[in-house]
Structure formats: structure tokens, C-alpha cells
Amino acid sequence: MTAAIDAVPKELRPGAQALSFQSMRWWGRAVALRKCLARKAPPAQADALLCTALALSWQDELAPYPVHTLVNQAVEAARRHKDMRPQAPFINACLRRFLREREALLAQTQTDITAQWNHPAWWIKRLQADHPTHWQEILQAAQSAAPMTLRVSDQYHDVAAYLQVLEGHGIAAKAVGEAGVQLTKAVPVQLLPGFAQGHVSVQDAAAQLAAPLLLKGLKKSNQALRLLDACAAPGGKTGHLLECDPSAQVIALDVDPVRCERIQQNLDRLKVQAQIIAADAAHTADWWDGQSFDGILLDAPCTASGIGRRHPDVRWLRRETDVAQLANIQAKLLKALWPLVKPGGRLLYCTCSVFKAEGETQIQTFVQHNTDALILPSPGHLTPSSATSDASLRDNVMGEHDGFYYALLEKRSI
């Protein structure tokens, strides 16, 4: 959806995103209602328009416009679209019936688990198995917009000083974590003081843990650390590594050349440098120069099940089989990159997933097969908006944050 919204004319983009994201958050309810109104789905475009209107209008207090306005505009949109024009009377009939019988129709959807939680049934069942005590909180968190959180570069400000700068610009915020500030209300990045100069970056509080976790206690001499960011795009964590240790020699990899350009743009804004290579991290023969690394950051491809607040379309794009397929890719990356870590060096494995197959289970399997891998104190699974369960991090309250998994591995000499 992000790519689709980027293609919308700039002046319409904020509205298109707001309506699209709200539709995705309530899509399960909308599809269930459409099934009540019409057992047989209409053609795909008409079905999408009808379900969008239902998602936006199913509850008055959540509707972005008066419900009758939404209905009228949905029908008008069908009439103006050459491929949907024949379906306009059908869409009109369904939506008018919905207005007349709303409470009865909503009651019919109460036993539908996908309608109740607005996530696919397989997703819900996996969360129930992985997080039996707070699966409901995870699902509920995905139904609200994520806060805008910034990472403050200590090359320019400490958090307290930047909060004063924001206050001077009329932007309300609070400190979160070691280097973060959370805005009371999101603002365009161009309005953030110092953003263009690299003073701050947009980065979720959970993602801000990566660089400090990998670097803390890693440097044992005056020699510059040699680091690898294995799946680096768009470059947020690469930049943070270099902010934490400007002397580090960092290689940033990404399989997509276009995304590598985004890494370069972000590093240019931060005024830091890394060697950027477009390559598949798992195919080390294509890019590795034979020199081992003090530290590797592996932010592995995953289902993105922890960032549903920011990307509400992901839950509908993923299929149940994707979990195992992505877990295989993660295992392949771990196997390929672990030999590149120096003895005494570290690999930080992370995913923006709350599924244990992509976190705890993945790492437990890895250490069982790699006896030289020692798990150091790590946050483990962080669920959206909750405080970390790791005792060493309890004094560093992150506030609201995305779902993440972290495991810090040290290579022992055996």
C-alpha cells in the first residue's frame, strides 16, 4: 500500500492514506458485512469500493465523514468509473440497506473471528498460541495509529535540549528511551527543526534499541570496529550505528539497488559514511572480501506482524504459508553470516515480528546447531506498546512502540 499511496498526487496523498489505512484496519468487519448483504461477491473493483465504504461507515464515531455522505460518494465514485458504472445500482442498494439494518447486520457478524478482530483467522490463532496471555492486546494495538517517534543524534543535541527546541516551535513531545522523543501529534518531517541537517531521524522506539544493543561493550581496543548491516534499507539502523560510533567501518547491504539509493540518501542527510553494496547477504561469495566482522546487524526479512499499526494492509497481504517461507530465509541468512563474525564478536538478530517462528523459535534452533553461539541478555519478543520484560532494560522505558524481536549472539572460541 505504501507504494500505491506514493503514486497518488502529492496534494491528495494525506487524505488517501488516512482513508486507506482506516479501511484496512476494519477490513475484516467490512468483508463480513458485505457477505451478509450479498452472498456472491460483485466484480473485484466494485467489491473493493463497497467494502471500503462499509469499513469507513460501519460505526458512526469512527467514520471520517457523516455516514450518508460516505454512501453518496461511494455510489458517485462507481458512477464515474467506466468499469464500475454497471455496478453502481447494486452498490447503492447494498449501502442503503446497510444504513437501514445496520444493527441487525452487525449482530450477524459477531461470531466471525475475522470480523471481530479485523485480522485473518490464521493470524489470530498463531498469536493465541504464541502469546496466550496478551494476544488480544497485540490485536487491539494494531487498530490505532502508531505515534511518531524520533531518534535524536547526540552529535547535535541531547534529548532534553531537543525537546526544548521542539517546544520553541510549538511541537509537543516527550522523551522515550535513551535517545528518542515521541510527538504528541505527527507532523511532516520538513517541519521538524534540524531534520534536513540530520539532527533527528524518524525511527520507532523499538527499532532504536538495535544499534546500542550491538555496540555496548563490543569495542575492546582503539581499533575501529568493522560492522555489517546485512539488510540495511532504508538505512535507519545504519545511520544509528554510525551516530553511536562515528569511527566504525560499516558495510550496508541490501538486495535491492533502488533501496540502496534510499540508504545513501539517509546517510547523506545524517552526514555519515558507509560502504553500500547491492547484494544478497546470504550469497557471501558475491560481496564479502574475506575480512571478518566485529559485529553484524541482521534485521531479517519477516512477516512484519509487529508493525500492523504502521502498515495495516500487511495482515491482509500475508498468507499463512509466508511464515514458514520467511523463517527459512531467516535461517539461511543466519547460517551464511555467522561464519563472518570474529571470535568474541557479536551478531544481533532482529525482526519486526511478534510470531515466535521468526524470533524465539528461530534463535533457539540456531544455537542448538551452533555450539559457539552464546545468547547474551536480550529483550526477546517486544509486543506493541508494552514495556520490555528484560530486567536490564526496565529503567529505559520506551513508551509506545512496535512489535519486535531481539537476540544478541556472541561467538565463543571453542
Protein backbone atom coordinates (compact mmCIF):
# COMPACT_ATOMS: atom_id res chain seq x y z
CA MET A 1 0.00 0.00 0.00
CA THR A 2 2.90 2.38 0.70
CA ALA A 3 3.97 2.19 -2.95
CA ALA A 4 0.40 2.75 -4.15
CA ILE A 5 -0.01 5.81 -1.93
CA ASP A 6 3.31 7.22 -3.13
CA ALA A 7 1.85 7.21 -6.65
CA VAL A 8 -1.08 9.42 -5.58
CA PRO A 9 -0.70 13.15 -6.39
CA LYS A 10 1.11 14.83 -3.51
CA GLU A 11 -1.76 17.12 -2.52
CA LEU A 12 -4.15 14.15 -2.22
CA ARG A 13 -1.72 11.77 -0.52
CA PRO A 14 -2.50 12.51 3.17
CA GLY A 15 -6.23 12.03 2.66
CA ALA A 16 -5.75 8.91 0.54
CA GLN A 17 -3.51 7.39 3.19
CA ALA A 18 -5.86 8.22 6.07
CA LEU A 19 -8.86 6.67 4.30
CA SER A 20 -6.91 3.65 3.05
CA PHE A 21 -5.35 2.87 6.42
CA GLN A 22 -8.70 3.17 8.19
CA SER A 23 -10.27 0.86 5.62
CA MET A 24 -7.55 -1.75 6.16
CA ARG A 25 -7.96 -1.61 9.94
CA TRP A 26 -11.65 -2.51 9.64
CA TRP A 27 -11.48 -4.68 6.53
CA GLY A 28 -12.42 -7.89 8.34
CA ARG A 29 -15.64 -6.34 9.59
CA ALA A 30 -16.35 -4.83 6.17
CA VAL A 31 -15.98 -8.11 4.27
CA ALA A 32 -18.22 -9.89 6.78
CA LEU A 33 -20.88 -7.21 6.30
CA ARG A 34 -20.62 -7.46 2.53
CA LYS A 35 -21.19 -11.22 2.78
CA CYS A 36 -24.37 -10.50 4.73
CA LEU A 37 -25.52 -8.03 2.09
CA ALA A 38 -24.52 -10.08 -0.95
CA ARG A 39 -23.52 -13.72 -0.65
CA LYS A 40 -21.90 -13.59 -4.09
CA ALA A 41 -19.15 -11.03 -4.41
CA PRO A 42 -19.52 -8.46 -7.19
CA PRO A 43 -16.60 -7.87 -9.63
CA ALA A 44 -13.33 -7.11 -7.83
CA GLN A 45 -13.27 -3.32 -8.24
CA ALA A 46 -16.89 -2.90 -7.19
CA ASP A 47 -16.31 -5.25 -4.27
CA ALA A 48 -13.31 -3.18 -3.16
CA LEU A 49 -15.30 0.05 -3.32
CA LEU A 50 -18.27 -1.46 -1.48
CA CYS A 51 -16.10 -2.91 1.28
CA THR A 52 -14.19 0.35 1.61
CA ALA A 53 -17.43 2.23 2.14
CA LEU A 54 -18.54 -0.35 4.73
CA ALA A 55 -15.19 -0.19 6.53
CA LEU A 56 -15.40 3.59 6.79
CA SER A 57 -19.04 3.79 7.81
CA TRP A 58 -19.76 0.75 10.00
CA GLN A 59 -19.58 2.80 13.21
CA ASP A 60 -20.60 6.48 13.39
CA GLU A 61 -17.92 7.58 15.86
CA LEU A 62 -15.16 6.15 13.65
CA ALA A 63 -16.47 7.49 10.35
CA PRO A 64 -14.26 10.22 8.84
CA TYR A 65 -17.35 11.89 7.32
CA PRO A 66 -21.11 11.64 8.00
CA VAL A 67 -22.20 8.16 7.01
CA HIS A 68 -24.78 9.34 4.47
CA THR A 69 -22.04 11.39 2.79
CA LEU A 70 -19.81 8.32 2.58
CA VAL A 71 -22.61 6.31 0.99
CA ASN A 72 -23.45 9.02 -1.53
CA GLN A 73 -19.81 9.49 -2.51
CA ALA A 74 -19.19 5.74 -2.88
CA VAL A 75 -22.14 5.46 -5.28
CA GLU A 76 -20.99 8.59 -7.14
CA ALA A 77 -17.48 7.10 -7.47
CA ALA A 78 -18.96 3.95 -9.02
CA ARG A 79 -21.00 6.01 -11.47
CA ARG A 80 -17.93 7.96 -12.58
CA HIS A 81 -15.79 4.86 -13.14
CA LYS A 82 -16.39 3.29 -16.56
CA ASP A 83 -15.76 -0.27 -15.36
CA MET A 84 -17.90 0.06 -12.22
CA ARG A 85 -20.78 2.08 -13.65
CA PRO A 86 -22.96 -1.01 -14.22
CA GLN A 87 -22.46 -1.93 -10.54
CA ALA A 88 -23.50 1.49 -9.17
CA PRO A 89 -27.15 0.49 -8.55
CA PHE A 90 -26.00 -2.68 -6.75
CA ILE A 91 -23.57 -0.71 -4.54
CA ASN A 92 -26.30 1.84 -3.83
CA ALA A 93 -28.79 -0.87 -2.86
CA CYS A 94 -26.31 -2.62 -0.55
CA LEU A 95 -25.24 0.56 1.24
CA ARG A 96 -28.82 1.86 1.65
CA ARG A 97 -29.83 -1.47 3.13
CA PHE A 98 -26.81 -1.28 5.45
CA LEU A 99 -27.98 2.13 6.72
CA ARG A 100 -31.49 0.78 7.36
CA GLU A 101 -30.44 -2.51 9.01
CA ARG A 102 -27.06 -1.67 10.46
CA GLU A 103 -27.51 -3.08 13.97
CA ALA A 104 -29.05 -6.33 12.75
CA LEU A 105 -26.33 -6.79 10.14
CA LEU A 106 -23.58 -6.09 12.68
CA ALA A 107 -25.13 -8.65 15.01
CA GLN A 108 -24.81 -11.28 12.25
CA THR A 109 -21.02 -10.72 12.14
CA GLN A 110 -20.41 -11.22 15.87
CA THR A 111 -19.45 -14.89 15.57
CA ASP A 112 -16.95 -14.21 12.76
CA ILE A 113 -13.48 -14.10 14.38
CA THR A 114 -12.02 -12.19 11.42
CA ALA A 115 -14.77 -9.57 11.72
CA GLN A 116 -14.34 -9.33 15.48
CA TRP A 117 -10.57 -8.77 15.43
CA ASN A 118 -10.06 -7.47 11.87
CA HIS A 119 -7.21 -9.90 11.22
CA PRO A 120 -7.15 -13.18 9.26
CA ALA A 121 -8.19 -16.18 11.36
CA TRP A 122 -4.81 -17.92 10.91
CA TRP A 123 -3.03 -14.79 12.20
CA ILE A 124 -5.24 -14.64 15.30
CA LYS A 125 -4.75 -18.35 16.06
CA ARG A 126 -0.97 -18.03 15.75
CA LEU A 127 -0.96 -15.09 18.19
CA GLN A 128 -3.14 -17.04 20.61
CA ALA A 129 -0.59 -19.87 20.56
CA ASP A 130 2.50 -17.63 20.74
CA HIS A 131 1.20 -15.07 23.25
CA PRO A 132 -1.64 -16.73 25.18
CA THR A 133 -1.85 -14.05 27.89
CA HIS A 134 -1.85 -10.90 25.76
CA TRP A 135 -2.77 -11.79 22.17
CA GLN A 136 -5.80 -9.53 22.49
CA GLU A 137 -3.62 -6.52 23.35
CA ILE A 138 -1.49 -7.13 20.25
CA LEU A 139 -4.54 -7.20 18.00
CA GLN A 140 -6.07 -4.14 19.64
CA ALA A 141 -2.82 -2.18 19.28
CA ALA A 142 -2.92 -2.72 15.51
CA GLN A 143 -6.24 -0.88 15.33
CA SER A 144 -4.82 2.52 16.25
CA ALA A 145 -2.28 4.71 14.51
CA ALA A 146 1.30 4.48 15.74
CA PRO A 147 2.89 7.54 17.35
CA MET A 148 5.58 9.47 15.50
CA THR A 149 8.87 8.81 17.29
CA LEU A 150 12.20 10.47 16.55
CA ARG A 151 15.78 9.44 17.27
CA VAL A 152 17.90 12.38 18.39
CA SER A 153 21.51 12.40 17.19
CA ASP A 154 23.84 13.10 20.12
CA GLN A 155 26.22 14.68 17.62
CA TYR A 156 23.98 17.77 17.85
CA HIS A 157 21.64 17.56 20.86
CA ASP A 158 20.78 15.51 23.88
CA VAL A 159 17.10 14.59 24.24
CA ALA A 160 16.35 17.31 26.79
CA ALA A 161 17.85 20.01 24.56
CA TYR A 162 15.92 18.85 21.51
CA LEU A 163 12.68 18.78 23.48
CA GLN A 164 13.29 22.46 24.22
CA VAL A 165 13.88 23.12 20.53
CA LEU A 166 10.59 21.40 19.69
CA GLU A 167 8.78 23.38 22.37
CA GLY A 168 10.09 26.57 20.80
CA HIS A 169 8.47 25.51 17.53
CA GLY A 170 5.16 24.68 19.21
CA ILE A 171 5.60 20.91 18.85
CA ALA A 172 4.59 18.90 21.94
CA ALA A 173 6.67 15.81 22.70
CA LYS A 174 8.08 13.64 25.48
CA ALA A 175 11.28 11.66 25.98
CA VAL A 176 11.25 7.90 25.29
CA GLY A 177 14.16 5.51 25.63
CA GLU A 178 17.77 6.66 25.63
CA ALA A 179 17.72 8.82 22.51
CA GLY A 180 14.08 9.18 21.48
CA VAL A 181 11.26 11.68 21.58
CA GLN A 182 7.64 10.85 20.90
CA LEU A 183 5.49 13.56 19.35
CA THR A 184 2.03 14.19 20.74
CA LYS A 185 0.85 14.69 17.16
CA ALA A 186 2.61 13.67 13.97
CA VAL A 187 3.99 16.46 11.78
CA PRO A 188 5.53 16.46 8.28
CA VAL A 189 9.27 15.83 8.54
CA GLN A 190 10.07 19.10 6.77
CA LEU A 191 8.57 20.93 9.77
CA LEU A 192 10.88 19.20 12.25
CA PRO A 193 13.68 21.55 13.35
CA GLY A 194 17.04 20.18 12.28
CA PHE A 195 15.65 17.25 10.28
CA ALA A 196 17.20 18.30 6.98
CA GLN A 197 20.53 18.79 8.76
CA GLY A 198 20.50 15.28 10.25
CA HIS A 199 19.77 16.27 13.85
CA VAL A 200 16.91 13.76 14.14
CA SER A 201 15.54 10.75 12.28
CA VAL A 202 12.10 9.14 12.28
CA GLN A 203 12.51 5.74 13.96
CA ASP A 204 10.24 3.71 16.21
CA ALA A 205 11.34 3.31 19.83
CA ALA A 206 11.73 -0.47 19.45
CA ALA A 207 13.96 -0.09 16.39
CA GLN A 208 16.12 2.39 18.30
CA LEU A 209 17.33 -0.45 20.54
CA ALA A 210 19.29 -2.16 17.73
CA ALA A 211 22.47 -0.10 17.49
CA PRO A 212 23.08 0.30 21.26
CA LEU A 213 22.42 -3.41 21.84
CA LEU A 214 25.01 -4.45 19.26
CA LEU A 215 27.66 -1.89 20.24
CA LYS A 216 27.52 -1.88 24.04
CA GLY A 217 30.75 -3.44 25.30
CA LEU A 218 31.80 -4.54 21.81
CA LYS A 219 34.81 -2.25 21.41
CA LYS A 220 37.76 -3.66 23.36
CA SER A 221 40.64 -1.70 21.75
CA ASN A 222 41.36 1.57 19.98
CA GLN A 223 40.97 -0.13 16.62
CA ALA A 224 37.91 0.87 14.58
CA LEU A 225 35.09 -1.63 14.67
CA ARG A 226 34.24 -3.41 11.43
CA LEU A 227 30.45 -3.73 11.20
CA LEU A 228 27.93 -5.17 8.77
CA ASP A 229 24.30 -4.08 8.43
CA ALA A 230 23.11 -7.08 6.45
CA CYS A 231 19.61 -6.00 5.36
CA ALA A 232 20.10 -2.28 5.69
CA ALA A 233 17.44 -0.44 3.67
CA PRO A 234 16.20 2.20 4.22
CA GLY A 235 19.26 2.91 6.37
CA GLY A 236 17.83 3.97 9.72
CA LYS A 237 19.81 1.45 11.75
CA THR A 238 22.94 2.00 9.64
CA GLY A 239 22.80 5.70 10.46
CA HIS A 240 22.24 4.95 14.14
CA LEU A 241 25.30 2.66 14.24
CA LEU A 242 27.42 5.49 12.85
CA GLU A 243 25.91 8.06 15.22
CA CYS A 244 26.80 5.78 18.14
CA ASP A 245 30.32 5.08 16.82
CA PRO A 246 31.44 7.57 14.13
CA SER A 247 34.78 5.75 13.78
CA ALA A 248 33.20 2.42 12.81
CA GLN A 249 33.78 0.95 9.35
CA VAL A 250 30.31 -0.05 8.22
CA ILE A 251 29.20 -2.07 5.22
CA ALA A 252 25.49 -1.69 4.42
CA LEU A 253 23.94 -4.38 2.24
CA ASP A 254 20.58 -4.62 0.56
CA VAL A 255 19.43 -6.88 -2.22
CA ASP A 256 17.52 -4.06 -3.99
CA PRO A 257 19.63 -1.41 -5.81
CA VAL A 258 16.78 1.11 -5.63
CA ARG A 259 16.56 0.66 -1.85
CA CYS A 260 20.35 1.11 -1.69
CA GLU A 261 19.83 4.58 -3.12
CA ARG A 262 17.50 5.29 -0.21
CA ILE A 263 20.23 4.19 2.22
CA GLN A 264 22.63 6.65 0.60
CA GLN A 265 20.11 9.49 0.82
CA ASN A 266 19.55 8.85 4.52
CA LEU A 267 23.27 8.65 5.27
CA ASP A 268 23.91 11.84 3.29
CA ARG A 269 21.34 13.67 5.39
CA LEU A 270 22.99 12.41 8.58
CA LYS A 271 26.45 13.33 7.19
CA VAL A 272 27.86 9.86 7.87
CA GLN A 273 29.50 7.38 5.54
CA ALA A 274 29.24 3.64 4.93
CA GLN A 275 30.14 1.32 2.09
CA ILE A 276 26.83 0.48 0.40
CA ILE A 277 26.59 -2.72 -1.64
CA ALA A 278 23.60 -4.06 -3.59
CA ALA A 279 23.79 -7.80 -2.95
CA ASP A 280 22.02 -10.73 -1.30
CA ALA A 281 23.53 -11.07 2.17
CA ALA A 282 23.08 -14.86 2.03
CA HIS A 283 25.31 -15.15 -1.05
CA THR A 284 28.52 -14.11 0.69
CA ALA A 285 30.76 -15.09 -2.26
CA ASP A 286 29.23 -12.22 -4.24
CA TRP A 287 30.22 -9.42 -1.87
CA TRP A 288 32.40 -10.49 1.10
CA ASP A 289 36.10 -9.54 0.98
CA GLY A 290 37.18 -12.25 3.42
CA GLN A 291 37.65 -9.96 6.44
CA SER A 292 35.56 -10.96 9.43
CA PHE A 293 33.32 -8.57 11.35
CA ASP A 294 33.32 -7.42 14.95
CA GLY A 295 29.57 -7.01 14.77
CA ILE A 296 26.75 -7.92 12.38
CA LEU A 297 23.25 -6.48 12.50
CA LEU A 298 20.78 -8.82 10.83
CA ASP A 299 17.37 -7.16 10.61
CA ALA A 300 15.94 -10.09 8.71
CA PRO A 301 13.04 -10.12 6.23
CA CYS A 302 9.88 -11.13 8.08
CA THR A 303 6.09 -11.02 8.06
CA ALA A 304 6.13 -7.52 9.62
CA SER A 305 3.50 -8.79 12.05
CA GLY A 306 4.76 -6.36 14.70
CA ILE A 307 4.14 -3.18 12.72
CA GLY A 308 0.45 -3.52 11.96
CA ARG A 309 -0.22 -0.05 13.34
CA ARG A 310 2.00 1.50 10.66
CA HIS A 311 1.10 -0.88 7.83
CA PRO A 312 -2.48 -2.14 8.35
CA ASP A 313 -2.55 -3.69 4.87
CA VAL A 314 0.17 -6.24 5.77
CA ARG A 315 -2.22 -8.51 7.67
CA TRP A 316 -4.32 -8.94 4.52
CA LEU A 317 -1.36 -9.37 2.16
CA ARG A 318 0.33 -12.14 4.14
CA ARG A 319 -0.60 -15.79 3.78
CA GLU A 320 -0.18 -18.44 6.47
CA THR A 321 2.47 -20.18 4.36
CA ASP A 322 4.56 -16.99 4.34
CA VAL A 323 5.63 -17.55 7.96
CA ALA A 324 7.49 -20.77 7.22
CA GLN A 325 8.91 -19.41 3.96
CA LEU A 326 10.28 -16.32 5.68
CA ALA A 327 11.59 -18.37 8.60
CA ASN A 328 13.57 -20.41 6.06
CA ILE A 329 15.08 -17.22 4.63
CA GLN A 330 15.97 -16.05 8.15
CA ALA A 331 17.66 -19.37 8.91
CA LYS A 332 19.57 -19.18 5.63
CA LEU A 333 20.84 -15.69 6.47
CA LEU A 334 21.90 -16.72 9.98
CA LYS A 335 23.78 -19.73 8.60
CA ALA A 336 25.53 -17.65 5.94
CA LEU A 337 26.52 -14.72 8.16
CA TRP A 338 27.56 -16.45 11.38
CA PRO A 339 30.92 -17.65 9.93
CA LEU A 340 31.73 -13.99 9.14
CA VAL A 341 31.70 -12.99 12.84
CA LYS A 342 35.07 -12.84 14.61
CA PRO A 343 35.58 -14.97 17.73
CA GLY A 344 34.43 -12.69 20.54
CA GLY A 345 32.31 -10.73 18.07
CA ARG A 346 28.54 -10.45 18.00
CA LEU A 347 25.55 -10.84 15.76
CA LEU A 348 22.31 -9.05 16.62
CA TYR A 349 19.32 -10.81 15.09
CA CYS A 350 16.08 -8.85 14.93
CA THR A 351 12.74 -8.90 13.18
CA CYS A 352 9.71 -6.63 13.34
CA SER A 353 7.57 -9.68 14.03
CA VAL A 354 5.64 -10.95 17.03
CA PHE A 355 5.48 -14.51 15.67
CA LYS A 356 7.76 -16.84 17.61
CA ALA A 357 8.68 -18.79 14.46
CA GLU A 358 10.55 -15.65 13.37
CA GLY A 359 12.01 -14.91 16.79
CA GLU A 360 12.41 -17.15 19.81
CA THR A 361 11.96 -20.44 17.93
CA GLN A 362 14.33 -19.35 15.17
CA ILE A 363 17.13 -18.46 17.60
CA GLN A 364 16.68 -21.46 19.86
CA THR A 365 17.05 -23.70 16.81
CA PHE A 366 20.13 -21.79 15.68
CA VAL A 367 22.00 -22.04 18.99
CA GLN A 368 21.20 -25.76 19.21
CA HIS A 369 23.07 -26.24 15.93
CA ASN A 370 25.86 -23.74 16.65
CA THR A 371 27.57 -24.53 19.93
CA ASP A 372 29.86 -21.49 19.58
CA ALA A 373 26.83 -19.15 19.80
CA LEU A 374 26.02 -17.71 23.22
CA ILE A 375 22.83 -15.74 23.75
CA LEU A 376 23.64 -12.57 25.70
CA PRO A 377 20.96 -10.65 27.68
CA SER A 378 18.46 -9.55 25.05
CA PRO A 379 14.93 -8.08 25.02
CA GLY A 380 13.45 -11.09 23.21
CA HIS A 381 9.89 -10.51 21.99
CA LEU A 382 8.61 -6.97 22.45
CA THR A 383 4.88 -6.72 21.87
CA PRO A 384 3.35 -3.47 20.63
CA SER A 385 3.05 -0.74 23.27
CA SER A 386 4.27 -2.92 26.16
CA ALA A 387 7.37 -2.35 28.26
CA THR A 388 10.23 -4.75 27.73
CA SER A 389 10.36 -7.77 30.02
CA ASP A 390 14.14 -7.80 30.23
CA ALA A 391 15.37 -6.67 33.66
CA SER A 392 18.42 -4.92 32.25
CA LEU A 393 16.21 -2.58 30.22
CA ARG A 394 13.46 -1.75 32.68
CA ASP A 395 14.90 1.66 33.51
CA ASN A 396 14.81 2.55 29.80
CA VAL A 397 11.07 2.87 29.27
CA MET A 398 10.31 3.10 25.56
CA GLY A 399 6.74 4.32 25.78
CA GLU A 400 4.61 3.18 22.84
CA HIS A 401 6.48 1.05 20.33
CA ASP A 402 6.13 -1.53 17.58
CA GLY A 403 6.39 -5.29 17.95
CA PHE A 404 9.96 -6.54 17.63
CA TYR A 405 12.26 -9.43 18.47
CA TYR A 406 15.92 -9.12 19.51
CA ALA A 407 18.54 -11.78 20.22
CA LEU A 408 22.20 -10.83 20.76
CA LEU A 409 24.59 -13.67 19.98
CA GLU A 410 28.30 -13.75 20.89
CA LYS A 411 30.73 -16.06 19.15
CA ARG A 412 32.73 -18.11 21.65
CA SER A 413 36.14 -19.59 20.92
CA ILE A 414 35.79 -23.36 21.10
